[in-house]
């Protein structure tokens, strides 16, 4: 039975989480602050720590910093209603595994806990190079689970923007990051993709750089971007011959979602821009 430690200073939330996860079949211990977490970890090994950020005595960020020094530590899902870039990126820098927005939804908690516990071991952490709210820079391992995790954090950096903008930028970022990890990084978690996010008054700019040699659009016969105008689905035949999953519309759809999409000469770096009205 997987063991979960909950650190939450709000009694009602703490009780809700404890009962929800016990019902789901986990061994659960709940404490009220970071100091109690340190005592609990000395007595028992836990597979997962659900960690509130703002607690008395030792807060969540301070606790994460202390846990980084431990050779064996549980995976950490941070819980907070404070979704400011500074807080979120501090949690990523201190190697939080995932983010859970408060107030918590019991069904979401159970599904997220299952996913985190089922994930394979991490080869290397996500590295935060810059954590300024208007200039975020990360090194992300070439691993699809790492891509999913960083997307959940990055989505929160645009929480104050209109839903249409958030969806467009989120879809473009997901597509290009996945391409960089899958094709440029060859799904090798020892390689990293460099991600930059710049926010100005009138625009959002993303830059994604992968470790691969690049590509040429004319060689992407499995992608809809190379289809002749009179054969919009010509790439389907190529994908079927190569045994690739259906799809191939990613770059084409990305171009429709953002205002500018620019590749470097080797095409192992891409920048996209979304202008804000």
Protein backbone atom coordinates (compact mmCIF):
# COMPACT_ATOMS: atom_id res chain seq x y z
CA UNK A 1 0.00 0.00 0.00
CA UNK A 2 1.39 3.40 -1.01
CA UNK A 3 2.00 5.82 1.87
CA UNK A 4 1.01 9.48 1.53
CA UNK A 5 1.89 12.35 3.85
CA UNK A 6 -0.34 15.44 3.83
CA UNK A 7 0.91 18.80 5.13
CA UNK A 8 -1.95 21.29 5.38
CA UNK A 9 -2.61 23.88 8.08
CA UNK A 10 -6.34 24.25 7.33
CA UNK A 11 -8.11 21.61 9.44
CA UNK A 12 -11.11 21.18 7.12
CA UNK A 13 -8.96 20.74 3.99
CA UNK A 14 -6.59 18.43 5.82
CA UNK A 15 -9.46 16.19 6.97
CA UNK A 16 -11.05 16.18 3.48
CA UNK A 17 -7.79 15.12 1.82
CA UNK A 18 -7.08 12.48 4.44
CA UNK A 19 -10.50 10.83 4.18
CA UNK A 20 -10.58 11.06 0.37
CA UNK A 21 -7.23 9.31 -0.04
CA UNK A 22 -7.94 6.72 2.65
CA UNK A 23 -11.14 5.81 0.80
CA UNK A 24 -9.09 5.50 -2.40
CA UNK A 25 -6.95 2.83 -0.72
CA UNK A 26 -3.85 4.70 0.47
CA UNK A 27 -2.14 4.76 3.87
CA UNK A 28 -2.44 8.41 4.87
CA UNK A 29 -0.81 10.55 7.56
CA UNK A 30 -1.80 14.20 7.94
CA UNK A 31 0.09 17.00 9.74
CA UNK A 32 -0.44 20.73 10.12
CA UNK A 33 2.94 22.31 9.29
CA UNK A 34 6.39 21.83 7.78
CA UNK A 35 8.10 21.13 11.09
CA UNK A 36 5.77 18.17 11.64
CA UNK A 37 6.61 16.92 8.13
CA UNK A 38 10.32 16.74 9.00
CA UNK A 39 9.52 14.71 12.13
CA UNK A 40 7.22 12.36 10.20
CA UNK A 41 9.82 11.73 7.48
CA UNK A 42 12.38 10.67 10.09
CA UNK A 43 10.02 7.98 11.38
CA UNK A 44 8.65 6.54 8.12
CA UNK A 45 9.19 6.37 4.36
CA UNK A 46 6.46 8.02 2.28
CA UNK A 47 5.87 7.67 -1.44
CA UNK A 48 4.19 11.06 -1.88
CA UNK A 49 3.93 14.35 -0.02
CA UNK A 50 0.95 16.66 -0.62
CA UNK A 51 2.36 19.97 0.51
CA UNK A 52 0.58 23.23 1.23
CA UNK A 53 2.80 26.24 0.49
CA UNK A 54 1.86 28.79 3.13
CA UNK A 55 1.99 27.15 6.56
CA UNK A 56 3.25 28.38 9.94
CA UNK A 57 6.71 27.61 11.39
CA UNK A 58 8.23 26.02 8.26
CA UNK A 59 6.40 26.87 5.04
CA UNK A 60 6.21 24.68 1.96
CA UNK A 61 8.97 26.41 -0.03
CA UNK A 62 11.35 26.29 2.94
CA UNK A 63 10.56 22.62 3.39
CA UNK A 64 11.18 21.86 -0.30
CA UNK A 65 14.59 23.52 -0.05
CA UNK A 66 15.49 21.36 2.94
CA UNK A 67 14.22 18.17 1.28
CA UNK A 68 16.48 18.73 -1.75
CA UNK A 69 19.43 17.75 0.45
CA UNK A 70 17.85 14.41 1.30
CA UNK A 71 19.04 11.43 -0.79
CA UNK A 72 15.65 9.74 -0.52
CA UNK A 73 12.63 11.99 -0.56
CA UNK A 74 9.01 11.48 -1.55
CA UNK A 75 7.65 13.04 -4.71
CA UNK A 76 6.02 16.33 -3.84
CA UNK A 77 2.77 17.79 -5.15
CA UNK A 78 2.40 21.39 -4.00
CA UNK A 79 -1.05 22.71 -3.13
CA UNK A 80 -1.80 26.42 -3.09
CA UNK A 81 -4.23 29.12 -4.13
CA UNK A 82 -1.20 31.38 -4.64
CA UNK A 83 -0.56 30.92 -8.35
CA UNK A 84 1.79 33.88 -8.76
CA UNK A 85 4.77 33.17 -11.03
CA UNK A 86 7.21 33.72 -8.17
CA UNK A 87 5.58 31.04 -6.02
CA UNK A 88 5.09 28.51 -8.80
CA UNK A 89 8.60 28.87 -10.19
CA UNK A 90 10.12 28.70 -6.71
CA UNK A 91 8.33 25.36 -6.29
CA UNK A 92 9.67 24.11 -9.65
CA UNK A 93 13.18 25.29 -8.75
CA UNK A 94 12.98 23.30 -5.53
CA UNK A 95 11.93 20.22 -7.57
CA UNK A 96 8.23 20.02 -6.81
CA UNK A 97 6.87 17.28 -9.06
CA UNK A 98 3.39 18.63 -9.73
CA UNK A 99 0.98 21.45 -8.85
CA UNK A 100 -2.53 21.23 -7.43
CA UNK A 101 -4.66 24.36 -7.32
CA UNK A 102 -6.74 25.10 -4.21
CA UNK A 103 -9.53 24.79 -3.31
CA UNK A 104 -8.96 21.11 -3.98
CA UNK A 105 -11.44 18.88 -5.77
CA UNK A 106 -11.48 15.33 -4.33
CA UNK A 107 -11.77 13.59 -7.74
CA UNK A 108 -8.90 15.67 -9.13
CA UNK A 109 -6.75 14.87 -6.10
CA UNK A 110 -7.24 11.11 -6.48
CA UNK A 111 -6.56 11.09 -10.23
CA UNK A 112 -3.49 13.28 -9.84
CA UNK A 113 -2.11 11.18 -6.98
CA UNK A 114 -2.56 8.01 -9.07
CA UNK A 115 -0.74 9.58 -12.01
CA UNK A 116 2.17 10.85 -9.92
CA UNK A 117 2.66 7.54 -8.12
CA UNK A 118 2.51 5.62 -11.41
CA UNK A 119 5.09 7.82 -13.18
CA UNK A 120 8.50 6.31 -13.86
CA UNK A 121 11.59 7.54 -11.96
CA UNK A 122 12.92 10.95 -13.04
CA UNK A 123 16.34 10.85 -14.75
CA UNK A 124 16.99 14.52 -14.06
CA UNK A 125 14.93 17.40 -12.66
CA UNK A 126 13.51 20.38 -14.52
CA UNK A 127 16.05 23.16 -14.10
CA UNK A 128 14.97 26.78 -13.60
CA UNK A 129 17.48 29.13 -15.25
CA UNK A 130 15.43 32.33 -14.81
CA UNK A 131 12.36 32.80 -12.64
CA UNK A 132 11.43 36.43 -13.30
CA UNK A 133 7.67 36.75 -13.94
CA UNK A 134 8.34 38.43 -17.29
CA UNK A 135 11.29 36.17 -18.25
CA UNK A 136 11.07 32.48 -17.46
CA UNK A 137 13.76 30.12 -18.70
CA UNK A 138 13.85 26.37 -18.10
CA UNK A 139 15.78 23.27 -19.10
CA UNK A 140 13.32 20.40 -19.48
CA UNK A 141 14.44 16.74 -19.78
CA UNK A 142 13.46 15.09 -23.07
CA UNK A 143 10.73 13.07 -21.44
CA UNK A 144 7.01 13.33 -22.24
CA UNK A 145 6.02 13.15 -18.56
CA UNK A 146 8.32 16.10 -17.82
CA UNK A 147 6.65 17.97 -20.68
CA UNK A 148 3.21 17.35 -19.19
CA UNK A 149 4.36 18.47 -15.76
CA UNK A 150 5.93 21.71 -16.95
CA UNK A 151 2.83 22.53 -18.99
CA UNK A 152 0.70 22.51 -15.83
CA UNK A 153 3.05 25.07 -14.26
CA UNK A 154 3.38 27.19 -17.41
CA UNK A 155 -0.39 27.34 -17.86
CA UNK A 156 -0.65 29.13 -14.52
CA UNK A 157 1.67 31.90 -15.72
CA UNK A 158 -1.10 33.03 -18.09
CA UNK A 159 -3.99 32.68 -15.63
CA UNK A 160 -4.94 36.38 -15.90
CA UNK A 161 -5.28 36.31 -19.71
CA UNK A 162 -8.49 35.70 -21.70
CA UNK A 163 -9.40 32.03 -22.09
CA UNK A 164 -9.03 32.16 -25.89
CA UNK A 165 -5.44 33.41 -25.59
CA UNK A 166 -4.56 30.83 -22.93
CA UNK A 167 -5.94 27.99 -25.03
CA UNK A 168 -4.22 29.11 -28.24
CA UNK A 169 -0.85 29.61 -26.58
CA UNK A 170 -1.19 26.43 -24.53
CA UNK A 171 -1.90 24.30 -27.60
CA UNK A 172 0.98 25.85 -29.56
CA UNK A 173 3.39 25.39 -26.65
CA UNK A 174 2.33 21.78 -26.13
CA UNK A 175 2.77 20.90 -29.79
CA UNK A 176 6.18 22.52 -30.22
CA UNK A 177 7.56 21.27 -26.90
CA UNK A 178 6.42 17.72 -27.65
CA UNK A 179 8.01 17.90 -31.11
CA UNK A 180 11.28 19.15 -29.61
CA UNK A 181 11.35 16.36 -27.03
CA UNK A 182 10.19 13.56 -29.34
CA UNK A 183 12.05 14.43 -32.55
CA UNK A 184 14.91 16.70 -31.46
CA UNK A 185 15.69 15.01 -28.15
CA UNK A 186 14.77 11.48 -29.29
CA UNK A 187 12.98 10.95 -25.95
CA UNK A 188 16.37 10.73 -24.21
CA UNK A 189 15.82 12.06 -20.64
CA UNK A 190 19.54 12.77 -20.34
CA UNK A 191 19.11 15.44 -23.03
CA UNK A 192 17.26 18.71 -22.36
CA UNK A 193 15.11 21.18 -24.25
CA UNK A 194 15.61 24.84 -23.39
CA UNK A 195 12.36 26.76 -22.98
CA UNK A 196 12.04 30.54 -22.65
CA UNK A 197 8.86 32.50 -21.96
CA UNK A 198 8.89 36.30 -22.20
CA UNK A 199 5.90 38.43 -21.33
CA UNK A 200 5.76 42.05 -22.49
CA UNK A 201 2.88 44.51 -22.28
CA UNK A 202 1.58 43.66 -25.73
CA UNK A 203 2.86 40.20 -26.47
CA UNK A 204 3.83 36.72 -25.27
CA UNK A 205 6.97 35.18 -26.75
CA UNK A 206 8.09 31.57 -26.43
CA UNK A 207 11.40 30.13 -27.59
CA UNK A 208 12.04 26.38 -27.66
CA UNK A 209 15.50 24.98 -28.47
CA UNK A 210 16.13 21.25 -28.79
CA UNK A 211 19.44 19.28 -28.82
CA UNK A 212 18.84 17.73 -32.24
CA UNK A 213 20.48 18.58 -35.60
CA UNK A 214 17.31 20.21 -36.95
CA UNK A 215 15.23 19.35 -40.01
CA UNK A 216 13.97 20.63 -43.34
CA UNK A 217 10.30 21.22 -44.04
CA UNK A 218 10.63 19.60 -47.47
CA UNK A 219 11.66 16.40 -45.71
CA UNK A 220 8.55 16.30 -43.52
CA UNK A 221 6.46 14.24 -45.91
CA UNK A 222 4.60 12.78 -42.91
CA UNK A 223 3.36 16.26 -41.91
CA UNK A 224 0.40 18.18 -43.34
CA UNK A 225 2.62 21.26 -43.61
CA UNK A 226 4.16 19.80 -46.83
CA UNK A 227 0.90 18.78 -48.52
CA UNK A 228 0.13 20.27 -51.95
CA UNK A 229 -2.86 22.61 -51.95
CA UNK A 230 -4.88 20.11 -53.98
CA UNK A 231 -4.00 17.16 -51.66
CA UNK A 232 -4.62 18.29 -48.06
CA UNK A 233 -4.32 14.72 -46.72
CA UNK A 234 -1.39 13.45 -48.80
CA UNK A 235 0.71 12.97 -45.67
CA UNK A 236 -1.70 10.30 -44.39
CA UNK A 237 -0.34 7.80 -46.92
CA UNK A 238 3.22 8.46 -45.79
CA UNK A 239 2.32 8.08 -42.10
CA UNK A 240 0.59 4.78 -42.80
CA UNK A 241 3.60 3.48 -44.75
CA UNK A 242 5.95 4.47 -41.90
CA UNK A 243 3.70 2.99 -39.23
CA UNK A 244 3.15 6.38 -37.57
CA UNK A 245 0.04 7.21 -35.56
CA UNK A 246 -2.65 9.28 -37.33
CA UNK A 247 -2.02 13.02 -37.16
CA UNK A 248 0.63 15.24 -38.66
CA UNK A 249 -1.34 18.49 -38.41
CA UNK A 250 0.62 19.91 -35.46
CA UNK A 251 2.75 22.59 -37.15
CA UNK A 252 -0.11 23.58 -39.44
CA UNK A 253 -2.48 24.04 -36.49
CA UNK A 254 0.20 25.86 -34.51
CA UNK A 255 0.58 28.43 -37.28
CA UNK A 256 -3.16 29.06 -37.05
CA UNK A 257 -3.05 29.51 -33.25
CA UNK A 258 -0.25 32.11 -33.00
CA UNK A 259 0.60 35.38 -34.74
CA UNK A 260 4.19 34.60 -35.69
CA UNK A 261 6.09 31.31 -35.95
CA UNK A 262 9.81 31.59 -36.75
CA UNK A 263 12.49 28.88 -37.02
CA UNK A 264 16.26 29.35 -37.01
CA UNK A 265 18.35 28.18 -39.98
CA UNK A 266 18.91 24.64 -38.68
CA UNK A 267 15.28 24.57 -37.47
CA UNK A 268 16.17 23.15 -34.08
CA UNK A 269 15.01 26.39 -32.45
CA UNK A 270 11.59 27.94 -32.84
CA UNK A 271 10.03 31.18 -31.61
CA UNK A 272 6.34 31.91 -31.56
CA UNK A 273 4.60 35.15 -30.68
CA UNK A 274 1.06 35.92 -29.57
CA UNK A 275 0.11 39.59 -29.57
CA UNK A 276 -2.14 40.94 -26.84
CA UNK A 277 -4.84 43.47 -27.63
